[in-house]
PDB file of all heavy atoms in Angstrom:
ATOM      1  N   ILE A   1       8.156  13.215  -2.351  1.00  0.00           N
ATOM      2  CA  ILE A   1       7.036  12.281  -2.239  1.00  0.00           C
ATOM      3  C   ILE A   1       7.209  11.386  -1.020  1.00  0.00           C
ATOM      4  O   ILE A   1       6.260  11.042  -0.319  1.00  0.00           O
ATOM      5  CB  ILE A   1       6.946  11.414  -3.509  1.00  0.00           C
ATOM      6  CG1 ILE A   1       6.650  12.285  -4.729  1.00  0.00           C
ATOM      7  CG2 ILE A   1       5.894  10.322  -3.352  1.00  0.00           C
ATOM      8  CD1 ILE A   1       5.326  13.005  -4.673  1.00  0.00           C
ATOM      9  N   PHE A   2       8.416  10.983  -0.764  1.00  0.00           N
ATOM     10  CA  PHE A   2       8.700   9.942   0.219  1.00  0.00           C
ATOM     11  C   PHE A   2       8.779  10.445   1.652  1.00  0.00           C
ATOM     12  O   PHE A   2       8.169   9.857   2.563  1.00  0.00           O
ATOM     13  CB  PHE A   2      10.026   9.264  -0.172  1.00  0.00           C
ATOM     14  CG  PHE A   2      10.378   8.071   0.643  1.00  0.00           C
ATOM     15  CD1 PHE A   2       9.910   6.811   0.308  1.00  0.00           C
ATOM     16  CD2 PHE A   2      11.210   8.197   1.753  1.00  0.00           C
ATOM     17  CE1 PHE A   2      10.257   5.705   1.053  1.00  0.00           C
ATOM     18  CE2 PHE A   2      11.554   7.099   2.514  1.00  0.00           C
ATOM     19  CZ  PHE A   2      11.081   5.838   2.159  1.00  0.00           C
ATOM     20  N   ASN A   3       9.519  11.502   1.846  1.00  0.00           N
ATOM     21  CA  ASN A   3       9.861  11.941   3.201  1.00  0.00           C
ATOM     22  C   ASN A   3       8.637  12.263   4.050  1.00  0.00           C
ATOM     23  O   ASN A   3       7.815  13.094   3.686  1.00  0.00           O
ATOM     24  CB  ASN A   3      10.785  13.156   3.133  1.00  0.00           C
ATOM     25  CG  ASN A   3      12.152  12.813   2.593  1.00  0.00           C
ATOM     26  OD1 ASN A   3      12.587  11.662   2.655  1.00  0.00           O
ATOM     27  ND2 ASN A   3      12.833  13.791   2.032  1.00  0.00           N
ATOM     28  N   GLY A   4       8.543  11.559   5.179  1.00  0.00           N
ATOM     29  CA  GLY A   4       7.483  11.833   6.134  1.00  0.00           C
ATOM     30  C   GLY A   4       6.121  11.302   5.756  1.00  0.00           C
ATOM     31  O   GLY A   4       5.150  11.507   6.501  1.00  0.00           O
ATOM     32  N   ASN A   5       6.013  10.614   4.623  1.00  0.00           N
ATOM     33  CA  ASN A   5       4.710  10.127   4.174  1.00  0.00           C
ATOM     34  C   ASN A   5       4.546   8.633   4.357  1.00  0.00           C
ATOM     35  O   ASN A   5       5.499   7.874   4.225  1.00  0.00           O
ATOM     36  CB  ASN A   5       4.512  10.451   2.689  1.00  0.00           C
ATOM     37  CG  ASN A   5       4.222  11.914   2.455  1.00  0.00           C
ATOM     38  OD1 ASN A   5       3.474  12.537   3.209  1.00  0.00           O
ATOM     39  ND2 ASN A   5       4.801  12.476   1.408  1.00  0.00           N
ATOM     40  N   PHE A   6       3.312   8.233   4.654  1.00  0.00           N
ATOM     41  CA  PHE A   6       2.964   6.831   4.549  1.00  0.00           C
ATOM     42  C   PHE A   6       3.058   6.466   3.069  1.00  0.00           C
ATOM     43  O   PHE A   6       2.711   7.275   2.199  1.00  0.00           O
ATOM     44  CB  PHE A   6       1.543   6.592   5.050  1.00  0.00           C
ATOM     45  CG  PHE A   6       1.393   6.548   6.550  1.00  0.00           C
ATOM     46  CD1 PHE A   6       2.035   7.459   7.368  1.00  0.00           C
ATOM     47  CD2 PHE A   6       0.587   5.582   7.136  1.00  0.00           C
ATOM     48  CE1 PHE A   6       1.876   7.423   8.739  1.00  0.00           C
ATOM     49  CE2 PHE A   6       0.416   5.534   8.519  1.00  0.00           C
ATOM     50  CZ  PHE A   6       1.069   6.462   9.312  1.00  0.00           C
ATOM     51  N   MET A   7       3.491   5.249   2.803  1.00  0.00           N
ATOM     52  CA  MET A   7       3.601   4.782   1.429  1.00  0.00           C
ATOM     53  C   MET A   7       2.820   3.483   1.264  1.00  0.00           C
ATOM     54  O   MET A   7       2.620   2.735   2.226  1.00  0.00           O
ATOM     55  CB  MET A   7       5.063   4.550   1.060  1.00  0.00           C
ATOM     56  CG  MET A   7       5.929   5.801   1.084  1.00  0.00           C
ATOM     57  SD  MET A   7       5.456   7.034  -0.159  1.00  0.00           S
ATOM     58  CE  MET A   7       5.826   6.147  -1.684  1.00  0.00           C
ATOM     59  N   GLY A   8       2.402   3.240   0.044  1.00  0.00           N
ATOM     60  CA  GLY A   8       1.647   2.025  -0.209  1.00  0.00           C
ATOM     61  C   GLY A   8       2.049   1.374  -1.517  1.00  0.00           C
ATOM     62  O   GLY A   8       2.560   2.038  -2.418  1.00  0.00           O
ATOM     63  N   TRP A   9       1.825   0.079  -1.579  1.00  0.00           N
ATOM     64  CA  TRP A   9       1.909  -0.653  -2.833  1.00  0.00           C
ATOM     65  C   TRP A   9       0.477  -0.930  -3.284  1.00  0.00           C
ATOM     66  O   TRP A   9      -0.363  -1.372  -2.491  1.00  0.00           O
ATOM     67  CB  TRP A   9       2.661  -1.973  -2.658  1.00  0.00           C
ATOM     68  CG  TRP A   9       4.140  -1.819  -2.665  1.00  0.00           C
ATOM     69  CD1 TRP A   9       4.986  -1.759  -1.598  1.00  0.00           C
ATOM     70  CD2 TRP A   9       4.976  -1.716  -3.823  1.00  0.00           C
ATOM     71  NE1 TRP A   9       6.280  -1.613  -2.009  1.00  0.00           N
ATOM     72  CE2 TRP A   9       6.302  -1.590  -3.381  1.00  0.00           C
ATOM     73  CE3 TRP A   9       4.737  -1.722  -5.200  1.00  0.00           C
ATOM     74  CZ2 TRP A   9       7.390  -1.468  -4.253  1.00  0.00           C
ATOM     75  CZ3 TRP A   9       5.806  -1.598  -6.070  1.00  0.00           C
ATOM     76  CH2 TRP A   9       7.120  -1.478  -5.586  1.00  0.00           C
ATOM     77  N   TYR A  10       0.231  -0.673  -4.530  1.00  0.00           N
ATOM     78  CA  TYR A  10      -1.075  -0.879  -5.131  1.00  0.00           C
ATOM     79  C   TYR A  10      -0.902  -1.804  -6.336  1.00  0.00           C
ATOM     80  O   TYR A  10       0.198  -1.936  -6.864  1.00  0.00           O
ATOM     81  CB  TYR A  10      -1.661   0.447  -5.614  1.00  0.00           C
ATOM     82  CG  TYR A  10      -1.798   1.508  -4.544  1.00  0.00           C
ATOM     83  CD1 TYR A  10      -0.700   2.244  -4.118  1.00  0.00           C
ATOM     84  CD2 TYR A  10      -3.043   1.805  -3.980  1.00  0.00           C
ATOM     85  CE1 TYR A  10      -0.824   3.225  -3.140  1.00  0.00           C
ATOM     86  CE2 TYR A  10      -3.181   2.794  -3.015  1.00  0.00           C
ATOM     87  CZ  TYR A  10      -2.065   3.498  -2.601  1.00  0.00           C
ATOM     88  OH  TYR A  10      -2.193   4.471  -1.641  1.00  0.00           O
ATOM     89  N   ARG A  11      -2.002  -2.405  -6.769  1.00  0.00           N
ATOM     90  CA  ARG A  11      -1.929  -3.218  -7.975  1.00  0.00           C
ATOM     91  C   ARG A  11      -3.212  -3.087  -8.770  1.00  0.00           C
ATOM     92  O   ARG A  11      -4.272  -2.795  -8.217  1.00  0.00           O
ATOM     93  CB  ARG A  11      -1.660  -4.680  -7.647  1.00  0.00           C
ATOM     94  CG  ARG A  11      -2.793  -5.402  -6.930  1.00  0.00           C
ATOM     95  CD  ARG A  11      -2.358  -6.815  -6.550  1.00  0.00           C
ATOM     96  NE  ARG A  11      -3.440  -7.552  -5.871  1.00  0.00           N
ATOM     97  CZ  ARG A  11      -3.276  -8.749  -5.304  1.00  0.00           C
ATOM     98  NH1 ARG A  11      -2.073  -9.344  -5.333  1.00  0.00           N
ATOM     99  NH2 ARG A  11      -4.298  -9.340  -4.712  1.00  0.00           N
ATOM    100  N   GLN A  12      -3.078  -3.313 -10.064  1.00  0.00           N
ATOM    101  CA  GLN A  12      -4.233  -3.277 -10.951  1.00  0.00           C
ATOM    102  C   GLN A  12      -4.150  -4.438 -11.914  1.00  0.00           C
ATOM    103  O   GLN A  12      -3.214  -4.520 -12.711  1.00  0.00           O
ATOM    104  CB  GLN A  12      -4.313  -1.961 -11.713  1.00  0.00           C
ATOM    105  CG  GLN A  12      -5.590  -1.815 -12.523  1.00  0.00           C
ATOM    106  CD  GLN A  12      -5.794  -0.404 -13.028  1.00  0.00           C
ATOM    107  OE1 GLN A  12      -4.860   0.387 -13.138  1.00  0.00           O
ATOM    108  NE2 GLN A  12      -7.037  -0.062 -13.345  1.00  0.00           N
ATOM    109  N   ALA A  13      -5.118  -5.312 -11.813  1.00  0.00           N
ATOM    110  CA  ALA A  13      -5.219  -6.448 -12.724  1.00  0.00           C
ATOM    111  C   ALA A  13      -6.070  -6.046 -13.923  1.00  0.00           C
ATOM    112  O   ALA A  13      -6.886  -5.119 -13.833  1.00  0.00           O
ATOM    113  CB  ALA A  13      -5.851  -7.636 -12.000  1.00  0.00           C
ATOM    114  N   PRO A  14      -5.907  -6.720 -15.044  1.00  0.00           N
ATOM    115  CA  PRO A  14      -6.700  -6.385 -16.240  1.00  0.00           C
ATOM    116  C   PRO A  14      -8.192  -6.406 -15.964  1.00  0.00           C
ATOM    117  O   PRO A  14      -8.718  -7.362 -15.385  1.00  0.00           O
ATOM    118  CB  PRO A  14      -6.299  -7.485 -17.231  1.00  0.00           C
ATOM    119  CG  PRO A  14      -4.946  -7.904 -16.795  1.00  0.00           C
ATOM    120  CD  PRO A  14      -4.955  -7.805 -15.295  1.00  0.00           C
ATOM    121  N   GLY A  15      -8.860  -5.336 -16.336  1.00  0.00           N
ATOM    122  CA  GLY A  15     -10.297  -5.264 -16.168  1.00  0.00           C
ATOM    123  C   GLY A  15     -10.769  -4.981 -14.761  1.00  0.00           C
ATOM    124  O   GLY A  15     -11.972  -4.997 -14.493  1.00  0.00           O
ATOM    125  N   LYS A  16      -9.835  -4.722 -13.859  1.00  0.00           N
ATOM    126  CA  LYS A  16     -10.204  -4.472 -12.464  1.00  0.00           C
ATOM    127  C   LYS A  16      -9.698  -3.107 -12.013  1.00  0.00           C
ATOM    128  O   LYS A  16      -8.801  -2.539 -12.613  1.00  0.00           O
ATOM    129  CB  LYS A  16      -9.632  -5.560 -11.560  1.00  0.00           C
ATOM    130  CG  LYS A  16     -10.216  -6.939 -11.812  1.00  0.00           C
ATOM    131  CD  LYS A  16      -9.730  -7.933 -10.776  1.00  0.00           C
ATOM    132  CE  LYS A  16     -10.349  -9.298 -10.974  1.00  0.00           C
ATOM    133  NZ  LYS A  16      -9.884 -10.265  -9.933  1.00  0.00           N
ATOM    134  N   GLN A  17     -10.278  -2.622 -10.940  1.00  0.00           N
ATOM    135  CA  GLN A  17      -9.836  -1.352 -10.377  1.00  0.00           C
ATOM    136  C   GLN A  17      -8.526  -1.530  -9.623  1.00  0.00           C
ATOM    137  O   GLN A  17      -8.202  -2.613  -9.122  1.00  0.00           O
ATOM    138  CB  GLN A  17     -10.914  -0.801  -9.430  1.00  0.00           C
ATOM    139  CG  GLN A  17     -12.149  -0.292 -10.139  1.00  0.00           C
ATOM    140  CD  GLN A  17     -13.085   0.444  -9.193  1.00  0.00           C
ATOM    141  OE1 GLN A  17     -13.124   0.171  -7.992  1.00  0.00           O
ATOM    142  NE2 GLN A  17     -13.838   1.388  -9.719  1.00  0.00           N
ATOM    143  N   ARG A  18      -7.796  -0.441  -9.543  1.00  0.00           N
ATOM    144  CA  ARG A  18      -6.568  -0.459  -8.765  1.00  0.00           C
ATOM    145  C   ARG A  18      -6.928  -0.647  -7.283  1.00  0.00           C
ATOM    146  O   ARG A  18      -7.888  -0.062  -6.797  1.00  0.00           O
ATOM    147  CB  ARG A  18      -5.804   0.844  -8.975  1.00  0.00           C
ATOM    148  CG  ARG A  18      -4.412   0.864  -8.386  1.00  0.00           C
ATOM    149  CD  ARG A  18      -3.699   2.139  -8.826  1.00  0.00           C
ATOM    150  NE  ARG A  18      -3.272   2.079 -10.206  1.00  0.00           N
ATOM    151  CZ  ARG A  18      -3.288   3.120 -11.036  1.00  0.00           C
ATOM    152  NH1 ARG A  18      -3.730   4.284 -10.624  1.00  0.00           N
ATOM    153  NH2 ARG A  18      -2.859   2.991 -12.277  1.00  0.00           N
ATOM    154  N   GLU A  19      -6.141  -1.464  -6.595  1.00  0.00           N
ATOM    155  CA  GLU A  19      -6.419  -1.731  -5.195  1.00  0.00           C
ATOM    156  C   GLU A  19      -5.145  -1.627  -4.376  1.00  0.00           C
ATOM    157  O   GLU A  19      -4.037  -1.848  -4.867  1.00  0.00           O
ATOM    158  CB  GLU A  19      -7.010  -3.143  -5.026  1.00  0.00           C
ATOM    159  CG  GLU A  19      -6.083  -4.264  -5.451  1.00  0.00           C
ATOM    160  CD  GLU A  19      -6.650  -5.648  -5.174  1.00  0.00           C
ATOM    161  OE1 GLU A  19      -7.717  -5.758  -4.535  1.00  0.00           O
ATOM    162  OE2 GLU A  19      -5.997  -6.639  -5.572  1.00  0.00           O
ATOM    163  N   LEU A  20      -5.338  -1.328  -3.090  1.00  0.00           N
ATOM    164  CA  LEU A  20      -4.214  -1.272  -2.161  1.00  0.00           C
ATOM    165  C   LEU A  20      -3.795  -2.685  -1.793  1.00  0.00           C
ATOM    166  O   LEU A  20      -4.631  -3.522  -1.459  1.00  0.00           O
ATOM    167  CB  LEU A  20      -4.596  -0.501  -0.910  1.00  0.00           C
ATOM    168  CG  LEU A  20      -3.526  -0.447   0.173  1.00  0.00           C
ATOM    169  CD1 LEU A  20      -2.383   0.474  -0.254  1.00  0.00           C
ATOM    170  CD2 LEU A  20      -4.116   0.020   1.500  1.00  0.00           C
ATOM    171  N   VAL A  21      -2.508  -2.932  -1.816  1.00  0.00           N
ATOM    172  CA  VAL A  21      -1.969  -4.233  -1.415  1.00  0.00           C
ATOM    173  C   VAL A  21      -1.385  -4.156  -0.016  1.00  0.00           C
ATOM    174  O   VAL A  21      -1.646  -5.014   0.829  1.00  0.00           O
ATOM    175  CB  VAL A  21      -0.887  -4.692  -2.409  1.00  0.00           C
ATOM    176  CG1 VAL A  21      -0.242  -5.983  -1.931  1.00  0.00           C
ATOM    177  CG2 VAL A  21      -1.480  -4.876  -3.801  1.00  0.00           C
ATOM    178  N   ALA A  22      -0.581  -3.130   0.236  1.00  0.00           N
ATOM    179  CA  ALA A  22       0.089  -2.991   1.527  1.00  0.00           C
ATOM    180  C   ALA A  22       0.448  -1.534   1.748  1.00  0.00           C
ATOM    181  O   ALA A  22       0.653  -0.787   0.796  1.00  0.00           O
ATOM    182  CB  ALA A  22       1.346  -3.852   1.586  1.00  0.00           C
ATOM    183  N   ALA A  23       0.529  -1.152   3.016  1.00  0.00           N
ATOM    184  CA  ALA A  23       0.883   0.220   3.374  1.00  0.00           C
ATOM    185  C   ALA A  23       1.869   0.206   4.530  1.00  0.00           C
ATOM    186  O   ALA A  23       1.898  -0.743   5.334  1.00  0.00           O
ATOM    187  CB  ALA A  23      -0.357   1.018   3.756  1.00  0.00           C
ATOM    188  N   ILE A  24       2.657   1.273   4.621  1.00  0.00           N
ATOM    189  CA  ILE A  24       3.647   1.365   5.683  1.00  0.00           C
ATOM    190  C   ILE A  24       3.734   2.807   6.160  1.00  0.00           C
ATOM    191  O   ILE A  24       3.654   3.750   5.364  1.00  0.00           O
ATOM    192  CB  ILE A  24       5.016   0.842   5.201  1.00  0.00           C
ATOM    193  CG1 ILE A  24       6.004   0.744   6.356  1.00  0.00           C
ATOM    194  CG2 ILE A  24       5.570   1.700   4.064  1.00  0.00           C
ATOM    195  CD1 ILE A  24       7.247  -0.077   6.026  1.00  0.00           C
ATOM    196  N   GLY A  25       3.882   2.970   7.473  1.00  0.00           N
ATOM    197  CA  GLY A  25       3.988   4.291   8.042  1.00  0.00           C
ATOM    198  C   GLY A  25       5.323   4.954   7.726  1.00  0.00           C
ATOM    199  O   GLY A  25       6.243   4.329   7.210  1.00  0.00           O
ATOM    200  N   SER A  26       5.428   6.214   8.076  1.00  0.00           N
ATOM    201  CA  SER A  26       6.605   6.991   7.708  1.00  0.00           C
ATOM    202  C   SER A  26       7.888   6.480   8.369  1.00  0.00           C
ATOM    203  O   SER A  26       8.974   6.599   7.802  1.00  0.00           O
ATOM    204  CB  SER A  26       6.403   8.467   8.050  1.00  0.00           C
ATOM    205  OG  SER A  26       6.107   8.612   9.436  1.00  0.00           O
ATOM    206  N   SER A  27       7.764   5.878   9.540  1.00  0.00           N
ATOM    207  CA  SER A  27       8.936   5.339  10.224  1.00  0.00           C
ATOM    208  C   SER A  27       9.035   3.825  10.076  1.00  0.00           C
ATOM    209  O   SER A  27       9.993   3.217  10.557  1.00  0.00           O
ATOM    210  CB  SER A  27       8.901   5.692  11.710  1.00  0.00           C
ATOM    211  OG  SER A  27       7.783   5.080  12.332  1.00  0.00           O
ATOM    212  N   GLY A  28       8.046   3.231   9.445  1.00  0.00           N
ATOM    213  CA  GLY A  28       8.039   1.779   9.276  1.00  0.00           C
ATOM    214  C   GLY A  28       7.362   1.023  10.405  1.00  0.00           C
ATOM    215  O   GLY A  28       7.212  -0.195  10.329  1.00  0.00           O
ATOM    216  N   GLY A  29       6.916   1.731  11.423  1.00  0.00           N
ATOM    217  CA  GLY A  29       6.316   1.061  12.569  1.00  0.00           C
ATOM    218  C   GLY A  29       4.901   0.575  12.330  1.00  0.00           C
ATOM    219  O   GLY A  29       4.409  -0.309  13.024  1.00  0.00           O
ATOM    220  N   TYR A  30       4.242   1.155  11.364  1.00  0.00           N
ATOM    221  CA  TYR A  30       2.880   0.763  11.014  1.00  0.00           C
ATOM    222  C   TYR A  30       2.886   0.048   9.677  1.00  0.00           C
ATOM    223  O   TYR A  30       3.526   0.514   8.728  1.00  0.00           O
ATOM    224  CB  TYR A  30       2.001   2.010  10.911  1.00  0.00           C
ATOM    225  CG  TYR A  30       0.669   1.773  10.233  1.00  0.00           C
ATOM    226  CD1 TYR A  30      -0.437   1.353  10.956  1.00  0.00           C
ATOM    227  CD2 TYR A  30       0.522   1.975   8.863  1.00  0.00           C
ATOM    228  CE1 TYR A  30      -1.656   1.141  10.328  1.00  0.00           C
ATOM    229  CE2 TYR A  30      -0.686   1.761   8.228  1.00  0.00           C
ATOM    230  CZ  TYR A  30      -1.774   1.345   8.967  1.00  0.00           C
ATOM    231  OH  TYR A  30      -2.970   1.133   8.346  1.00  0.00           O
ATOM    232  N   THR A  31       2.233  -1.084   9.612  1.00  0.00           N
ATOM    233  CA  THR A  31       2.036  -1.774   8.342  1.00  0.00           C
ATOM    234  C   THR A  31       0.610  -2.301   8.283  1.00  0.00           C
ATOM    235  O   THR A  31      -0.003  -2.593   9.323  1.00  0.00           O
ATOM    236  CB  THR A  31       3.011  -2.949   8.143  1.00  0.00           C
ATOM    237  OG1 THR A  31       2.856  -3.880   9.212  1.00  0.00           O
ATOM    238  CG2 THR A  31       4.452  -2.476   8.061  1.00  0.00           C
ATOM    239  N   ALA A  32       0.101  -2.397   7.076  1.00  0.00           N
ATOM    240  CA  ALA A  32      -1.234  -2.932   6.864  1.00  0.00           C
ATOM    241  C   ALA A  32      -1.252  -3.660   5.528  1.00  0.00           C
ATOM    242  O   ALA A  32      -0.513  -3.279   4.608  1.00  0.00           O
ATOM    243  CB  ALA A  32      -2.267  -1.812   6.869  1.00  0.00           C
ATOM    244  N   TYR A  33      -2.102  -4.695   5.456  1.00  0.00           N
ATOM    245  CA  TYR A  33      -2.128  -5.527   4.257  1.00  0.00           C
ATOM    246  C   TYR A  33      -3.565  -5.832   3.861  1.00  0.00           C
ATOM    247  O   TYR A  33      -4.448  -5.969   4.721  1.00  0.00           O
ATOM    248  CB  TYR A  33      -1.398  -6.846   4.516  1.00  0.00           C
ATOM    249  CG  TYR A  33       0.060  -6.676   4.845  1.00  0.00           C
ATOM    250  CD1 TYR A  33       0.486  -6.536   6.166  1.00  0.00           C
ATOM    251  CD2 TYR A  33       1.018  -6.638   3.830  1.00  0.00           C
ATOM    252  CE1 TYR A  33       1.820  -6.355   6.472  1.00  0.00           C
ATOM    253  CE2 TYR A  33       2.360  -6.468   4.129  1.00  0.00           C
ATOM    254  CZ  TYR A  33       2.748  -6.321   5.449  1.00  0.00           C
ATOM    255  OH  TYR A  33       4.083  -6.142   5.744  1.00  0.00           O
ATOM    256  N   ALA A  34      -3.765  -5.984   2.572  1.00  0.00           N
ATOM    257  CA  ALA A  34      -5.036  -6.498   2.084  1.00  0.00           C
ATOM    258  C   ALA A  34      -5.181  -7.942   2.560  1.00  0.00           C
ATOM    259  O   ALA A  34      -4.188  -8.670   2.686  1.00  0.00           O
ATOM    260  CB  ALA A  34      -5.076  -6.435   0.564  1.00  0.00           C
ATOM    261  N   ASP A  35      -6.393  -8.347   2.842  1.00  0.00           N
ATOM    262  CA  ASP A  35      -6.625  -9.709   3.335  1.00  0.00           C
ATOM    263  C   ASP A  35      -6.056 -10.758   2.386  1.00  0.00           C
ATOM    264  O   ASP A  35      -5.571 -11.803   2.817  1.00  0.00           O
ATOM    265  CB  ASP A  35      -8.123  -9.950   3.528  1.00  0.00           C
ATOM    266  CG  ASP A  35      -8.679  -9.214   4.738  1.00  0.00           C
ATOM    267  OD1 ASP A  35      -7.882  -8.774   5.588  1.00  0.00           O
ATOM    268  OD2 ASP A  35      -9.917  -9.078   4.823  1.00  0.00           O
ATOM    269  N   SER A  36      -6.110 -10.472   1.105  1.00  0.00           N
ATOM    270  CA  SER A  36      -5.689 -11.456   0.107  1.00  0.00           C
ATOM    271  C   SER A  36      -4.186 -11.730   0.126  1.00  0.00           C
ATOM    272  O   SER A  36      -3.742 -12.739  -0.431  1.00  0.00           O
ATOM    273  CB  SER A  36      -6.104 -10.992  -1.291  1.00  0.00           C
ATOM    274  OG  SER A  36      -5.524  -9.736  -1.600  1.00  0.00           O
ATOM    275  N   VAL A  37      -3.405 -10.845   0.758  1.00  0.00           N
ATOM    276  CA  VAL A  37      -1.951 -11.039   0.737  1.00  0.00           C
ATOM    277  C   VAL A  37      -1.361 -11.209   2.135  1.00  0.00           C
ATOM    278  O   VAL A  37      -0.154 -11.434   2.271  1.00  0.00           O
ATOM    279  CB  VAL A  37      -1.242  -9.866   0.027  1.00  0.00           C
ATOM    280  CG1 VAL A  37      -1.830  -9.658  -1.367  1.00  0.00           C
ATOM    281  CG2 VAL A  37      -1.304  -8.586   0.841  1.00  0.00           C
TER     282      VAL A  37
END
């Protein structure tokens, strides 16, 4: 699952859809965040 893949942290609050919180590229050079965090 991990090797060579972008990875993300997601979250789901009660009664809400799952959302992306943060993402990172395969080498760590790329990162992205939800505005809220």
